[in-house]
Amino acid sequence: MRFNWKKQPWIRGGWPKVRPFSSRIGEFRKPFGRVYFAGDYTAELKFLNMMEGAIESGEHVAKLISKIE
C-alpha cells in the first residue's frame, strides 16, 4: 500500500502551489540575502518531491555556502 500525502489533512502534498512551478524552481534555488533554501521543492526537476531531491538541494546549498569568504 502506498502512502498518499495529498490525503493528509494538514499536509495536502506539502509542496508549493506556484503555477507553473517547474519553470520557477530556479527562483527557489537562489539565496535571499544570507538565507538559503533547500528541500525537495528546490531540487532539480527530475528529483522534485523526492527524498533524492532534498539531498540534491542540500548539497547545492552547501556548495554555495562553501564559496562564501
PDB file of N, CA and C in Angstrom:
ATOM      1  N   MET A   1       0.844  -1.193   0.000  1.00  0.00           N
ATOM      2  CA  MET A   1       0.000   0.000   0.000  1.00  0.00           C
ATOM      3  C   MET A   1       0.883   1.247   0.000  1.00  0.00           C
ATOM      4  N   ARG A   2       0.588   2.175  -0.880  1.00  0.00           N
ATOM      5  CA  ARG A   2       1.341   3.423  -0.962  1.00  0.00           C
ATOM      6  C   ARG A   2       0.723   4.467  -0.047  1.00  0.00           C
ATOM      7  N   PHE A   3       1.574   5.299   0.517  1.00  0.00           N
ATOM      8  CA  PHE A   3       1.120   6.384   1.377  1.00  0.00           C
ATOM      9  C   PHE A   3       0.751   7.578   0.504  1.00  0.00           C
ATOM     10  N   ASN A   4      -0.385   8.178   0.739  1.00  0.00           N
ATOM     11  CA  ASN A   4      -0.854   9.288  -0.078  1.00  0.00           C
ATOM     12  C   ASN A   4      -0.774  10.592   0.723  1.00  0.00           C
ATOM     13  N   TRP A   5       0.258  11.401   0.451  1.00  0.00           N
ATOM     14  CA  TRP A   5       0.434  12.665   1.169  1.00  0.00           C
ATOM     15  C   TRP A   5      -0.696  13.643   0.894  1.00  0.00           C
ATOM     16  N   LYS A   6      -1.282  13.605  -0.286  1.00  0.00           N
ATOM     17  CA  LYS A   6      -2.355  14.545  -0.619  1.00  0.00           C
ATOM     18  C   LYS A   6      -3.588  14.355   0.259  1.00  0.00           C
ATOM     19  N   LYS A   7      -3.762  13.178   0.810  1.00  0.00           N
ATOM     20  CA  LYS A   7      -4.926  12.912   1.652  1.00  0.00           C
ATOM     21  C   LYS A   7      -4.692  13.250   3.120  1.00  0.00           C
ATOM     22  N   GLN A   8      -3.496  13.682   3.472  1.00  0.00           N
ATOM     23  CA  GLN A   8      -3.218  14.069   4.850  1.00  0.00           C
ATOM     24  C   GLN A   8      -3.778  15.469   5.081  1.00  0.00           C
ATOM     25  N   PRO A   9      -4.664  15.646   6.070  1.00  0.00           N
ATOM     26  CA  PRO A   9      -5.381  16.914   6.224  1.00  0.00           C
ATOM     27  C   PRO A   9      -4.495  18.133   6.484  1.00  0.00           C
ATOM     28  N   TRP A  10      -3.331  17.974   7.111  1.00  0.00           N
ATOM     29  CA  TRP A  10      -2.505  19.136   7.430  1.00  0.00           C
ATOM     30  C   TRP A  10      -1.335  19.308   6.471  1.00  0.00           C
ATOM     31  N   ILE A  11      -1.196  18.420   5.518  1.00  0.00           N
ATOM     32  CA  ILE A  11      -0.067  18.495   4.594  1.00  0.00           C
ATOM     33  C   ILE A  11      -0.538  18.762   3.172  1.00  0.00           C
ATOM     34  N   ARG A  12      -1.454  17.956   2.674  1.00  0.00           N
ATOM     35  CA  ARG A  12      -2.023  18.093   1.331  1.00  0.00           C
ATOM     36  C   ARG A  12      -0.957  18.099   0.241  1.00  0.00           C
ATOM     37  N   GLY A  13       0.042  17.269   0.368  1.00  0.00           N
ATOM     38  CA  GLY A  13       1.083  17.178  -0.647  1.00  0.00           C
ATOM     39  C   GLY A  13       2.364  17.842  -0.216  1.00  0.00           C
ATOM     40  N   GLY A  14       2.290  18.944   0.476  1.00  0.00           N
ATOM     41  CA  GLY A  14       3.443  19.588   1.070  1.00  0.00           C
ATOM     42  C   GLY A  14       4.323  20.409   0.145  1.00  0.00           C
ATOM     43  N   TRP A  15       4.007  20.575  -1.120  1.00  0.00           N
ATOM     44  CA  TRP A  15       4.855  21.365  -1.991  1.00  0.00           C
ATOM     45  C   TRP A  15       4.173  22.678  -2.338  1.00  0.00           C
ATOM     46  N   PRO A  16       4.950  23.699  -2.698  1.00  0.00           N
ATOM     47  CA  PRO A  16       4.352  24.993  -3.045  1.00  0.00           C
ATOM     48  C   PRO A  16       3.413  24.877  -4.231  1.00  0.00           C
ATOM     49  N   LYS A  17       2.350  25.653  -4.202  1.00  0.00           N
ATOM     50  CA  LYS A  17       1.376  25.620  -5.296  1.00  0.00           C
ATOM     51  C   LYS A  17       1.533  26.861  -6.170  1.00  0.00           C
ATOM     52  N   VAL A  18       2.725  27.015  -6.699  1.00  0.00           N
ATOM     53  CA  VAL A  18       3.016  28.112  -7.610  1.00  0.00           C
ATOM     54  C   VAL A  18       2.875  27.573  -9.018  1.00  0.00           C
ATOM     55  N   ARG A  19       2.122  28.234  -9.842  1.00  0.00           N
ATOM     56  CA  ARG A  19       1.915  27.776 -11.212  1.00  0.00           C
ATOM     57  C   ARG A  19       2.582  28.737 -12.178  1.00  0.00           C
ATOM     58  N   PRO A  20       3.253  28.333 -13.182  1.00  0.00           N
ATOM     59  CA  PRO A  20       3.762  26.984 -13.385  1.00  0.00           C
ATOM     60  C   PRO A  20       5.003  26.778 -12.528  1.00  0.00           C
ATOM     61  N   PHE A  21       4.958  25.816 -11.655  1.00  0.00           N
ATOM     62  CA  PHE A  21       6.031  25.598 -10.686  1.00  0.00           C
ATOM     63  C   PHE A  21       7.338  25.200 -11.340  1.00  0.00           C
ATOM     64  N   SER A  22       7.286  24.297 -12.317  1.00  0.00           N
ATOM     65  CA  SER A  22       8.514  23.763 -12.905  1.00  0.00           C
ATOM     66  C   SER A  22       9.385  24.857 -13.529  1.00  0.00           C
ATOM     67  N   SER A  23       8.799  25.920 -14.022  1.00  0.00           N
ATOM     68  CA  SER A  23       9.592  26.990 -14.622  1.00  0.00           C
ATOM     69  C   SER A  23      10.147  27.961 -13.581  1.00  0.00           C
ATOM     70  N   ARG A  24       9.746  27.811 -12.312  1.00  0.00           N
ATOM     71  CA  ARG A  24      10.193  28.735 -11.267  1.00  0.00           C
ATOM     72  C   ARG A  24      11.105  28.092 -10.224  1.00  0.00           C
ATOM     73  N   ILE A  25      11.496  26.859 -10.431  1.00  0.00           N
ATOM     74  CA  ILE A  25      12.357  26.192  -9.465  1.00  0.00           C
ATOM     75  C   ILE A  25      13.656  26.964  -9.285  1.00  0.00           C
ATOM     76  N   GLY A  26      14.167  27.536 -10.355  1.00  0.00           N
ATOM     77  CA  GLY A  26      15.391  28.328 -10.269  1.00  0.00           C
ATOM     78  C   GLY A  26      15.278  29.463  -9.273  1.00  0.00           C
ATOM     79  N   GLU A  27      14.100  30.052  -9.156  1.00  0.00           N
ATOM     80  CA  GLU A  27      13.894  31.134  -8.193  1.00  0.00           C
ATOM     81  C   GLU A  27      13.992  30.631  -6.756  1.00  0.00           C
ATOM     82  N   PHE A  28      13.507  29.436  -6.501  1.00  0.00           N
ATOM     83  CA  PHE A  28      13.582  28.862  -5.166  1.00  0.00           C
ATOM     84  C   PHE A  28      15.018  28.500  -4.793  1.00  0.00           C
ATOM     85  N   ARG A  29      15.858  28.246  -5.786  1.00  0.00           N
ATOM     86  CA  ARG A  29      17.248  27.840  -5.546  1.00  0.00           C
ATOM     87  C   ARG A  29      18.162  29.025  -5.271  1.00  0.00           C
ATOM     88  N   LYS A  30      17.721  30.239  -5.544  1.00  0.00           N
ATOM     89  CA  LYS A  30      18.556  31.422  -5.333  1.00  0.00           C
ATOM     90  C   LYS A  30      18.507  31.844  -3.865  1.00  0.00           C
ATOM     91  N   PRO A  31      19.656  32.272  -3.318  1.00  0.00           N
ATOM     92  CA  PRO A  31      19.636  32.770  -1.944  1.00  0.00           C
ATOM     93  C   PRO A  31      18.877  34.093  -1.862  1.00  0.00           C
ATOM     94  N   PHE A  32      18.307  34.345  -0.707  1.00  0.00           N
ATOM     95  CA  PHE A  32      17.617  35.602  -0.427  1.00  0.00           C
ATOM     96  C   PHE A  32      18.452  36.310   0.632  1.00  0.00           C
ATOM     97  N   GLY A  33      19.365  37.143   0.170  1.00  0.00           N
ATOM     98  CA  GLY A  33      20.321  37.733   1.102  1.00  0.00           C
ATOM     99  C   GLY A  33      21.231  36.641   1.650  1.00  0.00           C
ATOM    100  N   ARG A  34      21.249  36.498   2.985  1.00  0.00           N
ATOM    101  CA  ARG A  34      22.056  35.458   3.616  1.00  0.00           C
ATOM    102  C   ARG A  34      21.261  34.191   3.889  1.00  0.00           C
ATOM    103  N   VAL A  35      20.035  34.116   3.409  1.00  0.00           N
ATOM    104  CA  VAL A  35      19.178  32.959   3.638  1.00  0.00           C
ATOM    105  C   VAL A  35      19.183  32.075   2.385  1.00  0.00           C
ATOM    106  N   TYR A  36      19.456  30.802   2.599  1.00  0.00           N
ATOM    107  CA  TYR A  36      19.476  29.826   1.509  1.00  0.00           C
ATOM    108  C   TYR A  36      18.360  28.821   1.740  1.00  0.00           C
ATOM    109  N   PHE A  37      17.730  28.378   0.679  1.00  0.00           N
ATOM    110  CA  PHE A  37      16.635  27.428   0.780  1.00  0.00           C
ATOM    111  C   PHE A  37      17.040  26.077   0.221  1.00  0.00           C
ATOM    112  N   ALA A  38      16.679  25.036   0.925  1.00  0.00           N
ATOM    113  CA  ALA A  38      16.938  23.672   0.467  1.00  0.00           C
ATOM    114  C   ALA A  38      15.728  22.819   0.825  1.00  0.00           C
ATOM    115  N   GLY A  39      15.497  21.826   0.044  1.00  0.00           N
ATOM    116  CA  GLY A  39      14.377  20.920   0.259  1.00  0.00           C
ATOM    117  C   GLY A  39      13.956  20.332  -1.069  1.00  0.00           C
ATOM    118  N   ASP A  40      13.085  19.370  -1.025  1.00  0.00           N
ATOM    119  CA  ASP A  40      12.691  18.708  -2.274  1.00  0.00           C
ATOM    120  C   ASP A  40      12.065  19.673  -3.273  1.00  0.00           C
ATOM    121  N   TYR A  41      11.465  20.744  -2.810  1.00  0.00           N
ATOM    122  CA  TYR A  41      10.831  21.709  -3.708  1.00  0.00           C
ATOM    123  C   TYR A  41      11.840  22.632  -4.380  1.00  0.00           C
ATOM    124  N   THR A  42      13.103  22.590  -3.976  1.00  0.00           N
ATOM    125  CA  THR A  42      14.139  23.397  -4.624  1.00  0.00           C
ATOM    126  C   THR A  42      15.091  22.526  -5.427  1.00  0.00           C
ATOM    127  N   ALA A  43      14.747  21.278  -5.611  1.00  0.00           N
ATOM    128  CA  ALA A  43      15.623  20.333  -6.314  1.00  0.00           C
ATOM    129  C   ALA A  43      15.498  20.478  -7.824  1.00  0.00           C
ATOM    130  N   GLU A  44      16.428  19.858  -8.516  1.00  0.00           N
ATOM    131  CA  GLU A  44      16.317  19.786  -9.967  1.00  0.00           C
ATOM    132  C   GLU A  44      14.986  19.112 -10.299  1.00  0.00           C
ATOM    133  N   LEU A  45      14.414  19.460 -11.415  1.00  0.00           N
ATOM    134  CA  LEU A  45      13.075  18.998 -11.780  1.00  0.00           C
ATOM    135  C   LEU A  45      12.925  17.481 -11.726  1.00  0.00           C
ATOM    136  N   LYS A  46      13.952  16.744 -12.114  1.00  0.00           N
ATOM    137  CA  LYS A  46      13.827  15.284 -12.132  1.00  0.00           C
ATOM    138  C   LYS A  46      13.729  14.688 -10.727  1.00  0.00           C
ATOM    139  N   PHE A  47      14.112  15.462  -9.686  1.00  0.00           N
ATOM    140  CA  PHE A  47      14.049  14.966  -8.309  1.00  0.00           C
ATOM    141  C   PHE A  47      12.981  15.677  -7.473  1.00  0.00           C
ATOM    142  N   LEU A  48      12.132  16.462  -8.105  1.00  0.00           N
ATOM    143  CA  LEU A  48      11.111  17.230  -7.392  1.00  0.00           C
ATOM    144  C   LEU A  48      10.204  16.305  -6.580  1.00  0.00           C
ATOM    145  N   ASN A  49       9.943  16.671  -5.342  1.00  0.00           N
ATOM    146  CA  ASN A  49       9.067  15.930  -4.429  1.00  0.00           C
ATOM    147  C   ASN A  49       9.601  14.545  -4.076  1.00  0.00           C
ATOM    148  N   MET A  50      10.909  14.382  -4.074  1.00  0.00           N
ATOM    149  CA  MET A  50      11.522  13.102  -3.721  1.00  0.00           C
ATOM    150  C   MET A  50      12.599  13.329  -2.665  1.00  0.00           C
ATOM    151  N   MET A  51      12.901  12.305  -1.898  1.00  0.00           N
ATOM    152  CA  MET A  51      13.975  12.396  -0.916  1.00  0.00           C
ATOM    153  C   MET A  51      15.299  12.719  -1.603  1.00  0.00           C
ATOM    154  N   GLU A  52      15.520  12.141  -2.759  1.00  0.00           N
ATOM    155  CA  GLU A  52      16.749  12.435  -3.518  1.00  0.00           C
ATOM    156  C   GLU A  52      16.836  13.927  -3.831  1.00  0.00           C
ATOM    157  N   GLY A  53      15.688  14.557  -4.070  1.00  0.00           N
ATOM    158  CA  GLY A  53      15.662  15.985  -4.335  1.00  0.00           C
ATOM    159  C   GLY A  53      16.074  16.808  -3.123  1.00  0.00           C
ATOM    160  N   ALA A  54      15.640  16.392  -1.954  1.00  0.00           N
ATOM    161  CA  ALA A  54      16.035  17.089  -0.728  1.00  0.00           C
ATOM    162  C   ALA A  54      17.543  16.995  -0.530  1.00  0.00           C
ATOM    163  N   ILE A  55      18.105  15.823  -0.786  1.00  0.00           N
ATOM    164  CA  ILE A  55      19.548  15.631  -0.651  1.00  0.00           C
ATOM    165  C   ILE A  55      20.290  16.470  -1.694  1.00  0.00           C
ATOM    166  N   GLU A  56      19.832  16.425  -2.940  1.00  0.00           N
ATOM    167  CA  GLU A  56      20.477  17.184  -4.013  1.00  0.00           C
ATOM    168  C   GLU A  56      20.468  18.668  -3.703  1.00  0.00           C
ATOM    169  N   SER A  57      19.356  19.194  -3.228  1.00  0.00           N
ATOM    170  CA  SER A  57      19.286  20.624  -2.958  1.00  0.00           C
ATOM    171  C   SER A  57      20.133  21.005  -1.754  1.00  0.00           C
ATOM    172  N   GLY A  58      20.230  20.123  -0.764  1.00  0.00           N
ATOM    173  CA  GLY A  58      21.111  20.384   0.378  1.00  0.00           C
ATOM    174  C   GLY A  58      22.564  20.447  -0.048  1.00  0.00           C
ATOM    175  N   GLU A  59      22.950  19.556  -0.934  1.00  0.00           N
ATOM    176  CA  GLU A  59      24.316  19.575  -1.467  1.00  0.00           C
ATOM    177  C   GLU A  59      24.559  20.849  -2.279  1.00  0.00           C
ATOM    178  N   HIS A  60      23.546  21.272  -3.027  1.00  0.00           N
ATOM    179  CA  HIS A  60      23.644  22.508  -3.823  1.00  0.00           C
ATOM    180  C   HIS A  60      23.889  23.707  -2.903  1.00  0.00           C
ATOM    181  N   VAL A  61      23.132  23.807  -1.824  1.00  0.00           N
ATOM    182  CA  VAL A  61      23.292  24.920  -0.879  1.00  0.00           C
ATOM    183  C   VAL A  61      24.645  24.843  -0.183  1.00  0.00           C
ATOM    184  N   ALA A  62      25.068  23.654   0.185  1.00  0.00           N
ATOM    185  CA  ALA A  62      26.377  23.508   0.835  1.00  0.00           C
ATOM    186  C   ALA A  62      27.488  24.011  -0.085  1.00  0.00           C
ATOM    187  N   LYS A  63      27.393  23.734  -1.374  1.00  0.00           N
ATOM    188  CA  LYS A  63      28.402  24.220  -2.323  1.00  0.00           C
ATOM    189  C   LYS A  63      28.373  25.738  -2.414  1.00  0.00           C
ATOM    190  N   LEU A  64      27.174  26.333  -2.429  1.00  0.00           N
ATOM    191  CA  LEU A  64      27.075  27.781  -2.478  1.00  0.00           C
ATOM    192  C   LEU A  64      27.682  28.422  -1.240  1.00  0.00           C
ATOM    193  N   ILE A  65      27.372  27.883  -0.086  1.00  0.00           N
ATOM    194  CA  ILE A  65      27.882  28.435   1.178  1.00  0.00           C
ATOM    195  C   ILE A  65      29.395  28.275   1.269  1.00  0.00           C
ATOM    196  N   SER A  66      29.920  27.172   0.776  1.00  0.00           N
ATOM    197  CA  SER A  66      31.364  26.946   0.851  1.00  0.00           C
ATOM    198  C   SER A  66      32.145  27.938   0.009  1.00  0.00           C
ATOM    199  N   LYS A  67      31.510  28.586  -0.948  1.00  0.00           N
ATOM    200  CA  LYS A  67      32.175  29.578  -1.796  1.00  0.00           C
ATOM    201  C   LYS A  67      32.220  30.962  -1.153  1.00  0.00           C
ATOM    202  N   ILE A  68      31.485  31.148  -0.051  1.00  0.00           N
ATOM    203  CA  ILE A  68      31.445  32.446   0.630  1.00  0.00           C
ATOM    204  C   ILE A  68      32.752  32.614   1.405  1.00  0.00           C
ATOM    205  N   GLU A  69      33.343  33.775   1.274  1.00  0.00           N
ATOM    206  CA  GLU A  69      34.599  34.028   2.007  1.00  0.00           C
ATOM    207  C   GLU A  69      34.368  34.965   3.144  1.00  0.00           C
TER     208      GLU A  69
END
